[in-house]
C-alpha cells in the first residue's frame, strides 16, 4: 500500500464515518457533528464507524476512489466553529496521480 493510503488508513482509526457524493467528493468524518451534517446534506452512502471497521472503511474508500471521476479527492473533516474551512484536511489532493 502506498504512503498516501497508509495515511488514509491511519486517519480512519479515529474516524466516526465516511461519506461519498457518488462522483468525486470522498470524506472521512472525524466527529459526530460532521456525521450529522453529512446526513442533513443527504450524502449517500454515509457509513458509520459503529457499523464498519477502519479496514472495511479503507477498502470502501479505495473502491469509491477507483470508481469516481477525475476530479476525485479524499479529505478528513473536523468540526471547527471558528473557521469551518480549517476543518478540512486533504489526504489525497484533487487531481492526484491515478496510480495511487
C-alpha atoms as a PDB file:
ATOM      1  CA  UNK A   1       0.000   0.000   0.000  1.00  0.00           C
ATOM      2  CA  UNK A   2       1.331   3.410  -0.880  1.00  0.00           C
ATOM      3  CA  UNK A   3       2.242   6.026   1.693  1.00  0.00           C
ATOM      4  CA  UNK A   4      -0.878   8.013   0.740  1.00  0.00           C
ATOM      5  CA  UNK A   5      -3.190   5.086   1.505  1.00  0.00           C
ATOM      6  CA  UNK A   6      -1.311   4.433   4.754  1.00  0.00           C
ATOM      7  CA  UNK A   7      -2.165   7.990   5.825  1.00  0.00           C
ATOM      8  CA  UNK A   8      -5.831   7.470   4.899  1.00  0.00           C
ATOM      9  CA  UNK A   9      -5.853   4.239   6.918  1.00  0.00           C
ATOM     10  CA  UNK A  10      -4.293   5.938   9.939  1.00  0.00           C
ATOM     11  CA  UNK A  11      -6.897   8.704   9.794  1.00  0.00           C
ATOM     12  CA  UNK A  12      -9.699   6.149   9.691  1.00  0.00           C
ATOM     13  CA  UNK A  13      -8.620   4.683  13.029  1.00  0.00           C
ATOM     14  CA  UNK A  14     -10.111   7.774  14.745  1.00  0.00           C
ATOM     15  CA  UNK A  15     -12.954   8.483  12.305  1.00  0.00           C
ATOM     16  CA  UNK A  16     -16.672   8.437  13.060  1.00  0.00           C
ATOM     17  CA  UNK A  17     -17.570   7.535   9.475  1.00  0.00           C
ATOM     18  CA  UNK A  18     -17.134   8.111   5.758  1.00  0.00           C
ATOM     19  CA  UNK A  19     -19.240   9.751   3.061  1.00  0.00           C
ATOM     20  CA  UNK A  20     -19.240   9.873  -0.753  1.00  0.00           C
ATOM     21  CA  UNK A  21     -21.183  12.146  -3.068  1.00  0.00           C
ATOM     22  CA  UNK A  22     -21.233   9.482  -5.808  1.00  0.00           C
ATOM     23  CA  UNK A  23     -18.957  11.495  -8.083  1.00  0.00           C
ATOM     24  CA  UNK A  24     -15.700  12.818  -6.629  1.00  0.00           C
ATOM     25  CA  UNK A  25     -16.021  14.023  -3.023  1.00  0.00           C
ATOM     26  CA  UNK A  26     -14.848  11.407  -0.518  1.00  0.00           C
ATOM     27  CA  UNK A  27     -14.887  12.491   3.107  1.00  0.00           C
ATOM     28  CA  UNK A  28     -13.601  10.948   6.318  1.00  0.00           C
ATOM     29  CA  UNK A  29     -15.775  12.343   9.100  1.00  0.00           C
ATOM     30  CA  UNK A  30     -13.842  12.893  12.296  1.00  0.00           C
ATOM     31  CA  UNK A  31     -16.596  13.798  14.762  1.00  0.00           C
ATOM     32  CA  UNK A  32     -20.298  13.324  15.439  1.00  0.00           C
ATOM     33  CA  UNK A  33     -21.179  16.817  14.212  1.00  0.00           C
ATOM     34  CA  UNK A  34     -19.725  16.043  10.773  1.00  0.00           C
ATOM     35  CA  UNK A  35     -21.699  12.779  10.673  1.00  0.00           C
ATOM     36  CA  UNK A  36     -24.888  14.753  11.396  1.00  0.00           C
ATOM     37  CA  UNK A  37     -24.090  17.406   8.791  1.00  0.00           C
ATOM     38  CA  UNK A  38     -23.460  14.838   6.051  1.00  0.00           C
ATOM     39  CA  UNK A  39     -26.744  13.139   6.920  1.00  0.00           C
ATOM     40  CA  UNK A  40     -28.526  16.512   6.688  1.00  0.00           C
ATOM     41  CA  UNK A  41     -26.821  17.202   3.342  1.00  0.00           C
ATOM     42  CA  UNK A  42     -28.164  13.877   2.056  1.00  0.00           C
ATOM     43  CA  UNK A  43     -24.851  12.121   1.460  1.00  0.00           C
ATOM     44  CA  UNK A  44     -25.485   8.551   0.401  1.00  0.00           C
ATOM     45  CA  UNK A  45     -23.556   6.420   1.020  1.00  0.00           C
ATOM     46  CA  UNK A  46     -22.802   7.509   4.565  1.00  0.00           C
ATOM     47  CA  UNK A  47     -21.140   4.753   6.591  1.00  0.00           C
ATOM     48  CA  UNK A  48     -20.639   4.819  10.351  1.00  0.00           C
ATOM     49  CA  UNK A  49     -17.647   3.527  12.290  1.00  0.00           C
ATOM     50  CA  UNK A  50     -20.213   1.904  14.577  1.00  0.00           C
ATOM     51  CA  UNK A  51     -21.074  -0.472  11.727  1.00  0.00           C
ATOM     52  CA  UNK A  52     -17.751  -0.780   9.863  1.00  0.00           C
ATOM     53  CA  UNK A  53     -14.149  -1.340  10.927  1.00  0.00           C
ATOM     54  CA  UNK A  54     -11.392   1.031   9.862  1.00  0.00           C
ATOM     55  CA  UNK A  55     -10.096  -1.572   7.399  1.00  0.00           C
ATOM     56  CA  UNK A  56     -13.580  -2.027   5.896  1.00  0.00           C
ATOM     57  CA  UNK A  57     -13.926   1.730   5.510  1.00  0.00           C
ATOM     58  CA  UNK A  58     -10.475   1.918   3.882  1.00  0.00           C
ATOM     59  CA  UNK A  59     -11.439  -0.787   1.390  1.00  0.00           C
ATOM     60  CA  UNK A  60     -14.681   1.095   0.670  1.00  0.00           C
ATOM     61  CA  UNK A  61     -12.860   4.410   0.137  1.00  0.00           C
ATOM     62  CA  UNK A  62     -10.410   2.712  -2.231  1.00  0.00           C
ATOM     63  CA  UNK A  63     -13.360   1.311  -4.220  1.00  0.00           C
ATOM     64  CA  UNK A  64     -15.068   4.720  -4.301  1.00  0.00           C
ATOM     65  CA  UNK A  65     -11.834   6.357  -5.402  1.00  0.00           C
ATOM     66  CA  UNK A  66     -11.316   3.839  -8.190  1.00  0.00           C
ATOM     67  CA  UNK A  67     -14.891   4.287  -9.453  1.00  0.00           C
ATOM     68  CA  UNK A  68     -15.043   8.085  -9.166  1.00  0.00           C
ATOM     69  CA  UNK A  69     -14.474  10.758 -11.779  1.00  0.00           C
ATOM     70  CA  UNK A  70     -11.157  12.511 -12.428  1.00  0.00           C
ATOM     71  CA  UNK A  71     -11.925  15.388 -10.026  1.00  0.00           C
ATOM     72  CA  UNK A  72     -11.786  12.999  -7.056  1.00  0.00           C
ATOM     73  CA  UNK A  73     -10.213  13.744  -3.700  1.00  0.00           C
ATOM     74  CA  UNK A  74     -10.188  12.404  -0.140  1.00  0.00           C
ATOM     75  CA  UNK A  75     -10.454  14.801   2.794  1.00  0.00           C
ATOM     76  CA  UNK A  76     -10.808  14.386   6.532  1.00  0.00           C
ATOM     77  CA  UNK A  77     -13.230  16.853   8.116  1.00  0.00           C
ATOM     78  CA  UNK A  78     -13.053  18.057  11.711  1.00  0.00           C
ATOM     79  CA  UNK A  79     -15.594  20.491  13.125  1.00  0.00           C
ATOM     80  CA  UNK A  80     -14.027  23.918  13.612  1.00  0.00           C
ATOM     81  CA  UNK A  81     -16.594  26.536  14.634  1.00  0.00           C
ATOM     82  CA  UNK A  82     -14.118  29.429  14.495  1.00  0.00           C
ATOM     83  CA  UNK A  83     -13.016  28.679  10.915  1.00  0.00           C
ATOM     84  CA  UNK A  84     -15.019  25.924   9.190  1.00  0.00           C
ATOM     85  CA  UNK A  85     -12.552  25.797   6.280  1.00  0.00           C
ATOM     86  CA  UNK A  86      -9.731  24.960   8.698  1.00  0.00           C
ATOM     87  CA  UNK A  87     -11.522  21.698   9.489  1.00  0.00           C
ATOM     88  CA  UNK A  88     -10.729  20.223   6.064  1.00  0.00           C
ATOM     89  CA  UNK A  89      -7.532  18.171   5.819  1.00  0.00           C
ATOM     90  CA  UNK A  90      -6.564  16.978   2.359  1.00  0.00           C
ATOM     91  CA  UNK A  91      -5.332  13.382   2.337  1.00  0.00           C
ATOM     92  CA  UNK A  92      -5.457  12.845  -1.421  1.00  0.00           C
ATOM     93  CA  UNK A  93      -5.398  16.071  -3.423  1.00  0.00           C
ATOM     94  CA  UNK A  94      -7.782  16.667  -6.280  1.00  0.00           C
ATOM     95  CA  UNK A  95      -6.017  15.657  -9.494  1.00  0.00           C
ATOM     96  CA  UNK A  96      -3.593  13.296  -7.769  1.00  0.00           C
ATOM     97  CA  UNK A  97      -1.931  10.610  -9.871  1.00  0.00           C
ATOM     98  CA  UNK A  98      -4.295   7.855 -10.993  1.00  0.00           C
ATOM     99  CA  UNK A  99      -1.774   5.196  -9.901  1.00  0.00           C
ATOM    100  CA  UNK A 100      -2.478   5.566  -6.162  1.00  0.00           C
END
